[in-house]
Amino acid sequence: MKLTELSRVKNLHHAYLVVGNANKGVPEVLAMLETRGIETKGNADILNTSFVEFGVDDARLLSRFASLRAVGDGKMIIVSWSRATTEAQNALLKVVEEAPGQTVFFFSVDTSGSALETLRSRTIEVEVSDENTHTEDSESVITARSFLSASFEERMKTVESFATKASKTQDRGPVRDFVTALLQLVHSEGASPATLRDVLDAERYMKVQGSSIKTVLGHLAVTLPRARS
């Protein structure tokens, strides 16, 4: 999912990992917020800061800013780093998970590996504009849209098809693309936090060697709300 697509998302998630180019990500976040009608210049509710090395003291300062009462509708915290210590990222975990009020975090990094898995699991990953991403016409998006509008029985046929193909080819790439497309679609439709968490968990499990495709996708077949055709 591209960062620019967030301008059309109904409700922003509480945290995003912006990957592709740490320096480019920051102005793209600001431009996206402007398209959502949020003034970014001279706004006391927006913190925009960059670090060569993000340390634990920096994380604590962000936590304090996030805990302050917003002047307007909510806070936007935009942070980029070249490197972040493990201690600093661990210090961010609680405040990201329990972001007060309408606080939204944007962590801009060069690669997803610049953030710990524990932090990545609490964010939705988006890409700066020069990165490849799914399009409306991609096969994974078409399949994901069909899955969301399908009955449980039809969903399970899709699950079985993915599991069978992955077993034969030993390639999980199409399954991961499908789950990422699901995340893009449910997020753009303003899904509930519980629904987003289910798909984020599925996306993470699909990266784990040996995880069961049938179990992970079967859970989504049961829990994801059925979209209107």
C-alpha atoms as a PDB file:
ATOM      1  CA  MET A   1       0.000   0.000   0.000  1.00  0.00           C
ATOM      2  CA  LYS A   2       1.344   3.416  -0.917  1.00  0.00           C
ATOM      3  CA  LEU A   3       1.559   6.208   1.615  1.00  0.00           C
ATOM      4  CA  THR A   4      -0.345   8.545  -0.703  1.00  0.00           C
ATOM      5  CA  GLU A   5      -3.354   6.201  -0.576  1.00  0.00           C
ATOM      6  CA  LEU A   6      -3.884   7.149   3.068  1.00  0.00           C
ATOM      7  CA  SER A   7      -5.390  10.416   1.862  1.00  0.00           C
ATOM      8  CA  ARG A   8      -8.470   8.374   0.875  1.00  0.00           C
ATOM      9  CA  VAL A   9      -8.649   6.175   3.977  1.00  0.00           C
ATOM     10  CA  LYS A  10     -11.679   6.934   6.144  1.00  0.00           C
ATOM     11  CA  ASN A  11     -10.014   6.445   9.531  1.00  0.00           C
ATOM     12  CA  LEU A  12      -6.266   6.393  10.069  1.00  0.00           C
ATOM     13  CA  HIS A  13      -4.720   3.517  12.009  1.00  0.00           C
ATOM     14  CA  HIS A  14      -2.824   4.486  15.165  1.00  0.00           C
ATOM     15  CA  ALA A  15       0.641   3.759  13.712  1.00  0.00           C
ATOM     16  CA  TYR A  16       2.335   3.425  10.316  1.00  0.00           C
ATOM     17  CA  LEU A  17       5.771   2.277   9.230  1.00  0.00           C
ATOM     18  CA  VAL A  18       6.727   4.322   6.161  1.00  0.00           C
ATOM     19  CA  VAL A  19       9.390   2.447   4.182  1.00  0.00           C
ATOM     20  CA  GLY A  20      11.457   3.137   1.087  1.00  0.00           C
ATOM     21  CA  ASN A  21      13.337   6.325   1.901  1.00  0.00           C
ATOM     22  CA  ALA A  22      13.435   7.822   5.396  1.00  0.00           C
ATOM     23  CA  ASN A  23      14.032  11.373   4.176  1.00  0.00           C
ATOM     24  CA  LYS A  24      11.414  11.250   1.432  1.00  0.00           C
ATOM     25  CA  GLY A  25       8.830   9.680   3.709  1.00  0.00           C
ATOM     26  CA  VAL A  26       8.519  12.713   5.972  1.00  0.00           C
ATOM     27  CA  PRO A  27       7.450  15.275   3.319  1.00  0.00           C
ATOM     28  CA  GLU A  28       5.109  12.674   1.806  1.00  0.00           C
ATOM     29  CA  VAL A  29       3.431  12.187   5.185  1.00  0.00           C
ATOM     30  CA  LEU A  30       3.001  15.946   5.543  1.00  0.00           C
ATOM     31  CA  ALA A  31       1.587  16.231   2.015  1.00  0.00           C
ATOM     32  CA  MET A  32      -0.831  13.379   2.687  1.00  0.00           C
ATOM     33  CA  LEU A  33      -2.054  15.056   5.885  1.00  0.00           C
ATOM     34  CA  GLU A  34      -2.615  18.292   3.965  1.00  0.00           C
ATOM     35  CA  THR A  35      -4.833  16.435   1.477  1.00  0.00           C
ATOM     36  CA  ARG A  36      -6.874  15.218   4.453  1.00  0.00           C
ATOM     37  CA  GLY A  37      -7.451  18.832   5.435  1.00  0.00           C
ATOM     38  CA  ILE A  38      -4.924  18.890   8.279  1.00  0.00           C
ATOM     39  CA  GLU A  39      -2.811  22.045   8.455  1.00  0.00           C
ATOM     40  CA  THR A  40       0.796  20.959   9.003  1.00  0.00           C
ATOM     41  CA  LYS A  41       2.529  24.336   9.369  1.00  0.00           C
ATOM     42  CA  GLY A  42       2.471  25.923  12.798  1.00  0.00           C
ATOM     43  CA  ASN A  43       0.256  23.142  14.142  1.00  0.00           C
ATOM     44  CA  ALA A  44       0.896  22.469  17.836  1.00  0.00           C
ATOM     45  CA  ASP A  45      -0.542  18.964  17.472  1.00  0.00           C
ATOM     46  CA  ILE A  46       2.076  17.866  14.935  1.00  0.00           C
ATOM     47  CA  LEU A  47       5.572  16.778  15.933  1.00  0.00           C
ATOM     48  CA  ASN A  48       7.982  16.282  13.033  1.00  0.00           C
ATOM     49  CA  THR A  49      11.502  15.229  13.955  1.00  0.00           C
ATOM     50  CA  SER A  50      14.422  13.302  12.433  1.00  0.00           C
ATOM     51  CA  PHE A  51      17.334  11.428  13.974  1.00  0.00           C
ATOM     52  CA  VAL A  52      20.558   9.889  12.789  1.00  0.00           C
ATOM     53  CA  GLU A  53      20.332   7.616  15.828  1.00  0.00           C
ATOM     54  CA  PHE A  54      17.067   7.426  17.745  1.00  0.00           C
ATOM     55  CA  GLY A  55      17.777   6.741  21.420  1.00  0.00           C
ATOM     56  CA  VAL A  56      15.798   5.897  24.524  1.00  0.00           C
ATOM     57  CA  ASP A  57      15.747   9.527  25.729  1.00  0.00           C
ATOM     58  CA  ASP A  58      14.262  10.546  22.369  1.00  0.00           C
ATOM     59  CA  ALA A  59      11.587   7.875  22.761  1.00  0.00           C
ATOM     60  CA  ARG A  60      10.669   9.218  26.174  1.00  0.00           C
ATOM     61  CA  LEU A  61      10.290  12.730  24.770  1.00  0.00           C
ATOM     62  CA  LEU A  62       7.917  11.391  22.108  1.00  0.00           C
ATOM     63  CA  SER A  63       5.948   9.606  24.802  1.00  0.00           C
ATOM     64  CA  ARG A  64       5.590  12.841  26.765  1.00  0.00           C
ATOM     65  CA  PHE A  65       4.408  14.728  23.688  1.00  0.00           C
ATOM     66  CA  ALA A  66       1.885  11.991  22.906  1.00  0.00           C
ATOM     67  CA  SER A  67       0.523  12.154  26.449  1.00  0.00           C
ATOM     68  CA  LEU A  68      -0.248  15.875  26.208  1.00  0.00           C
ATOM     69  CA  ARG A  69      -3.822  16.865  25.516  1.00  0.00           C
ATOM     70  CA  ALA A  70      -4.392  17.743  21.867  1.00  0.00           C
ATOM     71  CA  VAL A  71      -5.301  21.318  20.987  1.00  0.00           C
ATOM     72  CA  GLY A  72      -7.419  20.132  18.066  1.00  0.00           C
ATOM     73  CA  ASP A  73      -8.816  16.761  17.005  1.00  0.00           C
ATOM     74  CA  GLY A  74      -5.664  14.722  17.609  1.00  0.00           C
ATOM     75  CA  LYS A  75      -1.896  14.493  17.430  1.00  0.00           C
ATOM     76  CA  MET A  76       0.309  13.439  14.516  1.00  0.00           C
ATOM     77  CA  ILE A  77       3.827  12.290  15.422  1.00  0.00           C
ATOM     78  CA  ILE A  78       6.210  11.933  12.466  1.00  0.00           C
ATOM     79  CA  VAL A  79       9.629  10.458  13.171  1.00  0.00           C
ATOM     80  CA  SER A  80      12.415   9.387  10.832  1.00  0.00           C
ATOM     81  CA  TRP A  81      15.669   7.698  11.747  1.00  0.00           C
ATOM     82  CA  SER A  82      18.719   6.148  10.145  1.00  0.00           C
ATOM     83  CA  ARG A  83      19.171   3.885  13.144  1.00  0.00           C
ATOM     84  CA  ALA A  84      17.163   3.281  16.313  1.00  0.00           C
ATOM     85  CA  THR A  85      18.433   1.424  19.349  1.00  0.00           C
ATOM     86  CA  THR A  86      16.601  -1.615  20.655  1.00  0.00           C
ATOM     87  CA  GLU A  87      16.012   0.143  23.974  1.00  0.00           C
ATOM     88  CA  ALA A  88      14.449   3.145  22.227  1.00  0.00           C
ATOM     89  CA  GLN A  89      12.060   1.038  20.177  1.00  0.00           C
ATOM     90  CA  ASN A  90      11.080  -1.010  23.202  1.00  0.00           C
ATOM     91  CA  ALA A  91      10.294   2.239  25.020  1.00  0.00           C
ATOM     92  CA  LEU A  92       7.900   3.156  22.202  1.00  0.00           C
ATOM     93  CA  LEU A  93       5.905  -0.066  22.296  1.00  0.00           C
ATOM     94  CA  LYS A  94       3.446   0.800  25.049  1.00  0.00           C
ATOM     95  CA  VAL A  95       2.698   4.325  23.871  1.00  0.00           C
ATOM     96  CA  VAL A  96       2.198   3.108  20.282  1.00  0.00           C
ATOM     97  CA  GLU A  97      -0.091   0.287  21.376  1.00  0.00           C
ATOM     98  CA  GLU A  98      -2.065   2.560  23.692  1.00  0.00           C
ATOM     99  CA  ALA A  99      -1.816   5.821  21.772  1.00  0.00           C
ATOM    100  CA  PRO A 100      -3.838   8.371  23.762  1.00  0.00           C
ATOM    101  CA  GLY A 101      -6.776  10.106  22.140  1.00  0.00           C
ATOM    102  CA  GLN A 102      -6.493  10.363  18.367  1.00  0.00           C
ATOM    103  CA  THR A 103      -2.695  10.160  18.274  1.00  0.00           C
ATOM    104  CA  VAL A 104      -1.224   8.743  15.056  1.00  0.00           C
ATOM    105  CA  PHE A 105       2.437   7.756  14.653  1.00  0.00           C
ATOM    106  CA  PHE A 106       4.402   7.712  11.392  1.00  0.00           C
ATOM    107  CA  PHE A 107       7.840   6.076  11.557  1.00  0.00           C
ATOM    108  CA  SER A 108       9.793   6.805   8.375  1.00  0.00           C
ATOM    109  CA  VAL A 109      12.672   4.407   7.660  1.00  0.00           C
ATOM    110  CA  ASP A 110      14.706   3.175   4.711  1.00  0.00           C
ATOM    111  CA  THR A 111      13.684  -0.471   5.133  1.00  0.00           C
ATOM    112  CA  SER A 112      11.248  -2.383   7.329  1.00  0.00           C
ATOM    113  CA  GLY A 113      14.280  -4.047   8.916  1.00  0.00           C
ATOM    114  CA  SER A 114      15.109  -0.695  10.504  1.00  0.00           C
ATOM    115  CA  ALA A 115      12.318  -1.375  13.014  1.00  0.00           C
ATOM    116  CA  LEU A 116      12.025  -4.252  15.466  1.00  0.00           C
ATOM    117  CA  GLU A 117       9.458  -6.941  14.709  1.00  0.00           C
ATOM    118  CA  THR A 118       7.633  -6.039  17.929  1.00  0.00           C
ATOM    119  CA  LEU A 119       7.249  -2.456  16.702  1.00  0.00           C
ATOM    120  CA  ARG A 120       6.407  -3.474  13.121  1.00  0.00           C
ATOM    121  CA  SER A 121       3.614  -5.714  14.405  1.00  0.00           C
ATOM    122  CA  ARG A 122       1.913  -2.650  15.884  1.00  0.00           C
ATOM    123  CA  THR A 123       1.998  -0.698  12.630  1.00  0.00           C
ATOM    124  CA  ILE A 124       0.635  -0.852   9.109  1.00  0.00           C
ATOM    125  CA  GLU A 125       3.432  -0.744   6.558  1.00  0.00           C
ATOM    126  CA  VAL A 126       3.105   1.758   3.709  1.00  0.00           C
ATOM    127  CA  GLU A 127       5.551   2.644   0.957  1.00  0.00           C
ATOM    128  CA  VAL A 128       6.800   5.961  -0.368  1.00  0.00           C
ATOM    129  CA  SER A 129       5.773   6.773  -3.919  1.00  0.00           C
ATOM    130  CA  ASP A 130       8.805   5.362  -5.708  1.00  0.00           C
ATOM    131  CA  GLU A 131       8.174   1.857  -4.355  1.00  0.00           C
ATOM    132  CA  ASN A 132       6.169  -0.870  -6.078  1.00  0.00           C
ATOM    133  CA  THR A 133       2.828  -1.736  -4.550  1.00  0.00           C
ATOM    134  CA  HIS A 134      -0.509  -3.325  -5.394  1.00  0.00           C
ATOM    135  CA  THR A 135      -2.759  -1.664  -7.934  1.00  0.00           C
ATOM    136  CA  GLU A 136      -6.506  -1.828  -8.331  1.00  0.00           C
ATOM    137  CA  ASP A 137      -6.068  -4.272 -11.232  1.00  0.00           C
ATOM    138  CA  SER A 138      -3.575  -6.628  -9.557  1.00  0.00           C
ATOM    139  CA  GLU A 139      -4.616 -10.250  -9.206  1.00  0.00           C
ATOM    140  CA  SER A 140      -4.079 -10.200  -5.447  1.00  0.00           C
ATOM    141  CA  VAL A 141      -6.410  -7.216  -4.981  1.00  0.00           C
ATOM    142  CA  ILE A 142      -9.090  -8.765  -7.201  1.00  0.00           C
ATOM    143  CA  THR A 143      -8.897 -12.034  -5.251  1.00  0.00           C
ATOM    144  CA  ALA A 144      -8.935 -10.198  -1.913  1.00  0.00           C
ATOM    145  CA  ARG A 145     -11.988  -8.153  -2.889  1.00  0.00           C
ATOM    146  CA  SER A 146     -13.795 -11.310  -3.997  1.00  0.00           C
ATOM    147  CA  PHE A 147     -12.839 -13.033  -0.733  1.00  0.00           C
ATOM    148  CA  LEU A 148     -14.305 -10.212   1.358  1.00  0.00           C
ATOM    149  CA  SER A 149     -17.661 -10.349  -0.429  1.00  0.00           C
ATOM    150  CA  ALA A 150     -17.835 -14.165  -0.504  1.00  0.00           C
ATOM    151  CA  SER A 151     -19.748 -16.548   1.748  1.00  0.00           C
ATOM    152  CA  PHE A 152     -17.866 -18.649   4.293  1.00  0.00           C
ATOM    153  CA  GLU A 153     -18.027 -21.691   2.005  1.00  0.00           C
ATOM    154  CA  GLU A 154     -16.616 -19.713  -0.927  1.00  0.00           C
ATOM    155  CA  ARG A 155     -13.899 -18.245   1.278  1.00  0.00           C
ATOM    156  CA  MET A 156     -12.812 -21.715   2.381  1.00  0.00           C
ATOM    157  CA  LYS A 157     -12.511 -22.800  -1.263  1.00  0.00           C
ATOM    158  CA  THR A 158     -10.093 -19.904  -1.766  1.00  0.00           C
ATOM    159  CA  VAL A 159      -8.170 -20.931   1.351  1.00  0.00           C
ATOM    160  CA  GLU A 160      -7.920 -24.516   0.091  1.00  0.00           C
ATOM    161  CA  SER A 161      -6.742 -23.304  -3.317  1.00  0.00           C
ATOM    162  CA  PHE A 162      -3.972 -21.168  -1.808  1.00  0.00           C
ATOM    163  CA  ALA A 163      -2.842 -23.982   0.494  1.00  0.00           C
ATOM    164  CA  THR A 164      -2.756 -26.544  -2.328  1.00  0.00           C
ATOM    165  CA  LYS A 165      -0.815 -24.285  -4.709  1.00  0.00           C
ATOM    166  CA  ALA A 166       1.692 -23.296  -2.030  1.00  0.00           C
ATOM    167  CA  SER A 167       2.243 -26.956  -1.149  1.00  0.00           C
ATOM    168  CA  LYS A 168       2.932 -27.853  -4.781  1.00  0.00           C
ATOM    169  CA  THR A 169       5.135 -24.879  -5.653  1.00  0.00           C
ATOM    170  CA  GLN A 170       6.726 -24.244  -2.228  1.00  0.00           C
ATOM    171  CA  ASP A 171       6.090 -20.567  -2.935  1.00  0.00           C
ATOM    172  CA  ARG A 172       4.209 -18.511  -0.349  1.00  0.00           C
ATOM    173  CA  GLY A 173       4.597 -15.262  -2.266  1.00  0.00           C
ATOM    174  CA  PRO A 174       1.044 -15.244  -3.698  1.00  0.00           C
ATOM    175  CA  VAL A 175      -0.406 -15.911  -0.234  1.00  0.00           C
ATOM    176  CA  ARG A 176       1.557 -13.041   1.296  1.00  0.00           C
ATOM    177  CA  ASP A 177       0.478 -10.742  -1.547  1.00  0.00           C
ATOM    178  CA  PHE A 178      -3.141 -11.778  -0.975  1.00  0.00           C
ATOM    179  CA  VAL A 179      -3.003 -11.023   2.761  1.00  0.00           C
ATOM    180  CA  THR A 180      -1.319  -7.666   2.115  1.00  0.00           C
ATOM    181  CA  ALA A 181      -4.073  -6.837  -0.381  1.00  0.00           C
ATOM    182  CA  LEU A 182      -6.691  -7.796   2.227  1.00  0.00           C
ATOM    183  CA  LEU A 183      -5.038  -5.408   4.671  1.00  0.00           C
ATOM    184  CA  GLN A 184      -5.094  -2.627   2.087  1.00  0.00           C
ATOM    185  CA  LEU A 185      -8.795  -3.148   1.378  1.00  0.00           C
ATOM    186  CA  VAL A 186     -10.091  -3.467   4.935  1.00  0.00           C
ATOM    187  CA  HIS A 187      -8.014  -0.490   6.011  1.00  0.00           C
ATOM    188  CA  SER A 188      -9.304   1.689   3.160  1.00  0.00           C
ATOM    189  CA  GLU A 189     -12.867   0.785   4.153  1.00  0.00           C
ATOM    190  CA  GLY A 190     -12.363   1.944   7.737  1.00  0.00           C
ATOM    191  CA  ALA A 191     -12.308  -1.496   9.351  1.00  0.00           C
ATOM    192  CA  SER A 192     -12.515  -1.874  13.119  1.00  0.00           C
ATOM    193  CA  PRO A 193      -9.292  -2.170  15.165  1.00  0.00           C
ATOM    194  CA  ALA A 194     -10.091  -5.851  15.808  1.00  0.00           C
ATOM    195  CA  THR A 195     -10.377  -6.567  12.078  1.00  0.00           C
ATOM    196  CA  LEU A 196      -7.134  -4.734  11.334  1.00  0.00           C
ATOM    197  CA  ARG A 197      -5.397  -6.675  14.088  1.00  0.00           C
ATOM    198  CA  ASP A 198      -6.594  -9.997  12.634  1.00  0.00           C
ATOM    199  CA  VAL A 199      -5.180  -9.180   9.200  1.00  0.00           C
ATOM    200  CA  LEU A 200      -1.964  -7.702  10.605  1.00  0.00           C
ATOM    201  CA  ASP A 201      -1.456 -10.896  12.608  1.00  0.00           C
ATOM    202  CA  ALA A 202      -2.094 -12.989   9.491  1.00  0.00           C
ATOM    203  CA  GLU A 203       0.434 -10.937   7.535  1.00  0.00           C
ATOM    204  CA  ARG A 204       3.024 -11.527  10.256  1.00  0.00           C
ATOM    205  CA  TYR A 205       2.299 -15.266  10.518  1.00  0.00           C
ATOM    206  CA  MET A 206       2.709 -15.692   6.762  1.00  0.00           C
ATOM    207  CA  LYS A 207       6.323 -14.580   7.154  1.00  0.00           C
ATOM    208  CA  VAL A 208       6.984 -17.362   9.665  1.00  0.00           C
ATOM    209  CA  GLN A 209       8.430 -20.509   8.129  1.00  0.00           C
ATOM    210  CA  GLY A 210       6.173 -23.481   8.796  1.00  0.00           C
ATOM    211  CA  SER A 211       3.040 -21.519   9.716  1.00  0.00           C
ATOM    212  CA  SER A 212      -0.173 -23.148   8.474  1.00  0.00           C
ATOM    213  CA  ILE A 213      -1.788 -21.387   5.528  1.00  0.00           C
ATOM    214  CA  LYS A 214      -5.073 -23.195   6.167  1.00  0.00           C
ATOM    215  CA  THR A 215      -5.133 -22.148   9.817  1.00  0.00           C
ATOM    216  CA  VAL A 216      -4.193 -18.510   9.226  1.00  0.00           C
ATOM    217  CA  LEU A 217      -6.448 -17.901   6.223  1.00  0.00           C
ATOM    218  CA  GLY A 218      -9.191 -20.055   7.718  1.00  0.00           C
ATOM    219  CA  HIS A 219      -9.267 -17.757  10.723  1.00  0.00           C
ATOM    220  CA  LEU A 220      -9.726 -14.768   8.399  1.00  0.00           C
ATOM    221  CA  ALA A 221     -12.496 -16.621   6.556  1.00  0.00           C
ATOM    222  CA  VAL A 222     -14.372 -16.836   9.856  1.00  0.00           C
ATOM    223  CA  THR A 223     -13.636 -13.440  11.389  1.00  0.00           C
ATOM    224  CA  LEU A 224     -13.567 -10.898   8.550  1.00  0.00           C
ATOM    225  CA  PRO A 225     -16.901  -9.103   8.082  1.00  0.00           C
ATOM    226  CA  ARG A 226     -18.547  -9.828   4.756  1.00  0.00           C
ATOM    227  CA  ALA A 227     -18.383  -6.882   2.395  1.00  0.00           C
ATOM    228  CA  ARG A 228     -21.385  -5.788   0.402  1.00  0.00           C
ATOM    229  CA  SER A 229     -21.230  -6.942  -3.199  1.00  0.00           C
END
